[in-house]
């Protein structure tokens, strides 16, 4: 063990079994994540094929994830910065 003690008999096989279980679960989830990413990519491609701007669509998705207070604060800071740079009146 990491602390220099000897593990109890049988605990190594239990730890190996747990480790294998974690690794297999993570691998399964990574496969699912890859499949979902491919599905999302297809939806963006479909939207683009229908004339939508995917950069703007991604921004809309990002904004919708935020709660109202967070979104309003971010918009206020953006307006302040743009005003300070003379980009808005």
N, C-alpha and C. Protein backbone atom coordinates (compact mmCIF):
# COMPACT_ATOMS: atom_id res chain seq x y z
N UNK A 1 0.84 -1.20 0.00
CA UNK A 1 0.00 0.00 0.00
C UNK A 1 0.87 1.24 0.00
N UNK A 2 0.29 2.37 -0.28
CA UNK A 2 1.03 3.63 -0.40
C UNK A 2 1.64 4.05 0.93
N UNK A 3 1.02 3.65 2.05
CA UNK A 3 1.54 4.06 3.34
C UNK A 3 2.54 3.06 3.90
N UNK A 4 2.92 2.05 3.12
CA UNK A 4 3.94 1.10 3.54
C UNK A 4 3.39 -0.10 4.29
N UNK A 5 2.09 -0.14 4.55
CA UNK A 5 1.53 -1.28 5.25
C UNK A 5 1.17 -2.36 4.24
N UNK A 6 1.05 -3.56 4.75
CA UNK A 6 0.66 -4.67 3.90
C UNK A 6 -0.86 -4.74 3.83
N UNK A 7 -1.42 -4.84 2.62
CA UNK A 7 -2.88 -4.91 2.52
C UNK A 7 -3.40 -6.23 3.07
N UNK A 8 -4.60 -6.23 3.63
CA UNK A 8 -5.18 -7.46 4.13
C UNK A 8 -5.36 -8.46 2.99
N UNK A 9 -5.31 -9.76 3.30
CA UNK A 9 -5.47 -10.76 2.25
C UNK A 9 -6.79 -10.56 1.51
N UNK A 10 -6.75 -10.66 0.20
CA UNK A 10 -7.95 -10.53 -0.61
C UNK A 10 -8.30 -9.10 -0.98
N UNK A 11 -7.74 -8.12 -0.27
CA UNK A 11 -8.10 -6.72 -0.57
C UNK A 11 -7.54 -6.26 -1.91
N UNK A 12 -6.43 -6.83 -2.32
CA UNK A 12 -5.85 -6.45 -3.60
C UNK A 12 -6.79 -6.84 -4.73
N UNK A 13 -7.36 -8.04 -4.64
CA UNK A 13 -8.28 -8.46 -5.70
C UNK A 13 -9.55 -7.63 -5.67
N UNK A 14 -9.99 -7.21 -4.49
CA UNK A 14 -11.17 -6.34 -4.39
C UNK A 14 -10.85 -4.99 -5.03
N UNK A 15 -9.68 -4.43 -4.70
CA UNK A 15 -9.29 -3.14 -5.27
C UNK A 15 -9.14 -3.25 -6.78
N UNK A 16 -8.58 -4.35 -7.26
CA UNK A 16 -8.44 -4.54 -8.71
C UNK A 16 -9.82 -4.62 -9.37
N UNK A 17 -10.74 -5.31 -8.72
CA UNK A 17 -12.10 -5.41 -9.25
C UNK A 17 -12.78 -4.06 -9.30
N UNK A 18 -12.60 -3.26 -8.24
CA UNK A 18 -13.19 -1.92 -8.23
C UNK A 18 -12.58 -1.04 -9.32
N UNK A 19 -11.25 -1.15 -9.44
CA UNK A 19 -10.55 -0.36 -10.45
C UNK A 19 -11.05 -0.73 -11.84
N UNK A 20 -11.15 -2.03 -12.11
CA UNK A 20 -11.63 -2.48 -13.42
C UNK A 20 -13.05 -1.96 -13.67
N UNK A 21 -13.89 -2.00 -12.64
CA UNK A 21 -15.26 -1.52 -12.76
C UNK A 21 -15.30 -0.03 -13.09
N UNK A 22 -14.49 0.76 -12.39
CA UNK A 22 -14.44 2.20 -12.68
C UNK A 22 -13.98 2.46 -14.10
N UNK A 23 -12.92 1.78 -14.51
CA UNK A 23 -12.37 1.97 -15.85
C UNK A 23 -13.40 1.61 -16.91
N UNK A 24 -14.07 0.49 -16.74
CA UNK A 24 -15.08 0.06 -17.71
C UNK A 24 -16.25 1.03 -17.77
N UNK A 25 -16.68 1.54 -16.61
CA UNK A 25 -17.78 2.51 -16.60
C UNK A 25 -17.38 3.79 -17.31
N UNK A 26 -16.15 4.26 -17.04
CA UNK A 26 -15.66 5.48 -17.69
C UNK A 26 -15.56 5.28 -19.19
N UNK A 27 -15.05 4.12 -19.61
CA UNK A 27 -14.95 3.84 -21.04
C UNK A 27 -16.33 3.84 -21.71
N UNK A 28 -17.31 3.24 -21.05
CA UNK A 28 -18.66 3.21 -21.58
C UNK A 28 -19.23 4.63 -21.71
N UNK A 29 -19.02 5.43 -20.68
CA UNK A 29 -19.51 6.82 -20.71
C UNK A 29 -18.80 7.65 -21.78
N UNK A 30 -17.50 7.41 -21.97
CA UNK A 30 -16.76 8.11 -23.02
C UNK A 30 -17.32 7.75 -24.40
N UNK A 31 -17.69 6.49 -24.60
CA UNK A 31 -18.30 6.08 -25.85
C UNK A 31 -19.63 6.79 -26.07
N UNK A 32 -20.43 6.87 -25.00
CA UNK A 32 -21.72 7.56 -25.09
C UNK A 32 -21.52 9.04 -25.39
N UNK A 33 -20.51 9.64 -24.73
CA UNK A 33 -20.21 11.05 -24.95
C UNK A 33 -19.81 11.30 -26.41
N UNK A 34 -19.00 10.40 -26.97
CA UNK A 34 -18.58 10.54 -28.36
C UNK A 34 -19.79 10.44 -29.30
N UNK A 35 -20.70 9.52 -29.00
CA UNK A 35 -21.90 9.37 -29.82
C UNK A 35 -22.77 10.63 -29.73
N UNK A 36 -22.92 11.17 -28.53
CA UNK A 36 -23.70 12.40 -28.36
C UNK A 36 -23.05 13.57 -29.08
N UNK A 37 -21.74 13.66 -29.01
CA UNK A 37 -21.02 14.74 -29.71
C UNK A 37 -21.25 14.65 -31.21
N UNK A 38 -21.25 13.44 -31.74
CA UNK A 38 -21.50 13.24 -33.17
C UNK A 38 -22.93 13.66 -33.51
N UNK A 39 -23.88 13.33 -32.64
CA UNK A 39 -25.28 13.72 -32.86
C UNK A 39 -25.43 15.24 -32.86
N UNK A 40 -24.77 15.90 -31.92
CA UNK A 40 -24.84 17.37 -31.82
C UNK A 40 -24.23 17.99 -33.08
N UNK A 41 -23.11 17.44 -33.53
CA UNK A 41 -22.46 17.94 -34.74
C UNK A 41 -23.41 17.83 -35.94
N UNK A 42 -24.14 16.73 -36.02
CA UNK A 42 -25.10 16.54 -37.10
C UNK A 42 -26.22 17.58 -37.05
N UNK A 43 -26.69 17.90 -35.85
CA UNK A 43 -27.75 18.89 -35.71
C UNK A 43 -27.25 20.27 -36.16
N UNK A 44 -26.01 20.62 -35.77
CA UNK A 44 -25.45 21.89 -36.22
C UNK A 44 -25.31 21.91 -37.74
N UNK A 45 -24.89 20.81 -38.33
CA UNK A 45 -24.76 20.72 -39.78
C UNK A 45 -26.12 20.89 -40.45
N UNK A 46 -27.14 20.28 -39.87
CA UNK A 46 -28.50 20.42 -40.39
C UNK A 46 -28.97 21.87 -40.31
N UNK A 47 -28.70 22.50 -39.17
CA UNK A 47 -29.08 23.90 -39.00
C UNK A 47 -28.36 24.77 -40.03
N UNK A 48 -27.07 24.51 -40.24
CA UNK A 48 -26.30 25.27 -41.22
C UNK A 48 -26.87 25.05 -42.62
N UNK A 49 -27.24 23.81 -42.92
CA UNK A 49 -27.84 23.50 -44.22
C UNK A 49 -29.16 24.22 -44.44
N UNK A 50 -29.80 24.62 -43.36
CA UNK A 50 -31.07 25.35 -43.45
C UNK A 50 -30.87 26.86 -43.33
N UNK A 51 -29.61 27.29 -43.43
CA UNK A 51 -29.32 28.72 -43.49
C UNK A 51 -29.04 29.40 -42.17
N UNK A 52 -28.94 28.64 -41.08
CA UNK A 52 -28.66 29.26 -39.79
C UNK A 52 -27.15 29.40 -39.58
N UNK A 53 -26.75 30.46 -38.91
CA UNK A 53 -25.35 30.71 -38.58
C UNK A 53 -25.01 29.91 -37.34
N UNK A 54 -24.11 28.93 -37.49
CA UNK A 54 -23.84 28.03 -36.36
C UNK A 54 -23.07 28.72 -35.23
N UNK A 55 -22.26 29.73 -35.54
CA UNK A 55 -21.57 30.47 -34.48
C UNK A 55 -22.59 31.17 -33.58
N UNK A 56 -23.56 31.79 -34.21
CA UNK A 56 -24.60 32.49 -33.45
C UNK A 56 -25.45 31.47 -32.70
N UNK A 57 -25.75 30.36 -33.33
CA UNK A 57 -26.53 29.31 -32.68
C UNK A 57 -25.81 28.79 -31.43
N UNK A 58 -24.51 28.60 -31.53
CA UNK A 58 -23.72 28.16 -30.36
C UNK A 58 -23.78 29.20 -29.24
N UNK A 59 -23.74 30.48 -29.62
CA UNK A 59 -23.83 31.56 -28.63
C UNK A 59 -25.19 31.54 -27.95
N UNK A 60 -26.25 31.31 -28.72
CA UNK A 60 -27.60 31.23 -28.16
C UNK A 60 -27.67 30.09 -27.15
N UNK A 61 -27.10 28.94 -27.50
CA UNK A 61 -27.09 27.78 -26.59
C UNK A 61 -26.35 28.15 -25.31
N UNK A 62 -25.22 28.83 -25.45
CA UNK A 62 -24.43 29.24 -24.28
C UNK A 62 -25.22 30.19 -23.38
N UNK A 63 -25.90 31.14 -23.99
CA UNK A 63 -26.68 32.12 -23.22
C UNK A 63 -27.83 31.43 -22.48
N UNK A 64 -28.49 30.49 -23.15
CA UNK A 64 -29.64 29.81 -22.53
C UNK A 64 -29.23 28.96 -21.31
N UNK A 65 -27.96 28.59 -21.22
CA UNK A 65 -27.48 27.80 -20.08
C UNK A 65 -27.37 28.65 -18.81
N UNK A 66 -27.29 29.96 -18.98
CA UNK A 66 -27.07 30.86 -17.84
C UNK A 66 -28.40 31.29 -17.24
N UNK A 67 -28.37 31.54 -15.93
CA UNK A 67 -29.59 32.08 -15.32
C UNK A 67 -29.67 33.57 -15.66
N UNK A 68 -30.85 34.15 -15.43
CA UNK A 68 -31.10 35.55 -15.83
C UNK A 68 -30.11 36.52 -15.20
N UNK A 69 -29.83 36.35 -13.93
CA UNK A 69 -28.93 37.29 -13.23
C UNK A 69 -27.53 37.23 -13.82
N UNK A 70 -27.03 36.03 -14.06
CA UNK A 70 -25.69 35.87 -14.63
C UNK A 70 -25.63 36.48 -16.04
N UNK A 71 -26.65 36.23 -16.83
CA UNK A 71 -26.72 36.74 -18.19
C UNK A 71 -26.77 38.27 -18.19
N UNK A 72 -27.61 38.85 -17.32
CA UNK A 72 -27.74 40.31 -17.26
C UNK A 72 -26.43 40.96 -16.81
N UNK A 73 -25.76 40.34 -15.85
CA UNK A 73 -24.49 40.88 -15.37
C UNK A 73 -23.45 40.85 -16.50
N UNK A 74 -23.40 39.75 -17.22
CA UNK A 74 -22.46 39.63 -18.33
C UNK A 74 -22.76 40.66 -19.42
N UNK A 75 -24.03 40.83 -19.75
CA UNK A 75 -24.42 41.82 -20.77
C UNK A 75 -24.07 43.24 -20.33
N UNK A 76 -24.26 43.54 -19.04
CA UNK A 76 -23.93 44.87 -18.53
C UNK A 76 -22.43 45.13 -18.61
N UNK A 77 -21.63 44.12 -18.28
CA UNK A 77 -20.17 44.28 -18.35
C UNK A 77 -19.72 44.44 -19.80
N UNK A 78 -20.32 43.68 -20.70
CA UNK A 78 -19.98 43.79 -22.11
C UNK A 78 -20.29 45.20 -22.62
N UNK A 79 -21.47 45.71 -22.27
CA UNK A 79 -21.86 47.06 -22.69
C UNK A 79 -20.89 48.10 -22.11
N UNK A 80 -20.51 47.93 -20.85
CA UNK A 80 -19.56 48.85 -20.22
C UNK A 80 -18.22 48.85 -20.96
N UNK A 81 -17.71 47.67 -21.27
CA UNK A 81 -16.43 47.54 -21.97
C UNK A 81 -16.52 48.15 -23.38
N UNK A 82 -17.60 47.83 -24.09
CA UNK A 82 -17.75 48.37 -25.44
C UNK A 82 -17.86 49.89 -25.42
N UNK A 83 -18.57 50.42 -24.45
CA UNK A 83 -18.70 51.87 -24.30
C UNK A 83 -17.32 52.48 -24.01
N UNK A 84 -16.56 51.85 -23.10
CA UNK A 84 -15.23 52.36 -22.75
C UNK A 84 -14.29 52.37 -23.95
N UNK A 85 -14.50 51.45 -24.87
CA UNK A 85 -13.66 51.38 -26.07
C UNK A 85 -14.22 52.23 -27.21
N UNK A 86 -15.32 52.93 -26.96
CA UNK A 86 -15.90 53.79 -27.97
C UNK A 86 -16.61 53.03 -29.10
N UNK A 87 -16.99 51.79 -28.80
CA UNK A 87 -17.61 50.96 -29.83
C UNK A 87 -19.13 51.13 -29.87
N UNK A 88 -19.69 51.71 -28.79
CA UNK A 88 -21.13 52.03 -28.75
C UNK A 88 -21.27 53.42 -28.15
N UNK A 89 -22.39 54.09 -28.47
CA UNK A 89 -22.62 55.46 -28.08
C UNK A 89 -22.94 55.63 -26.66
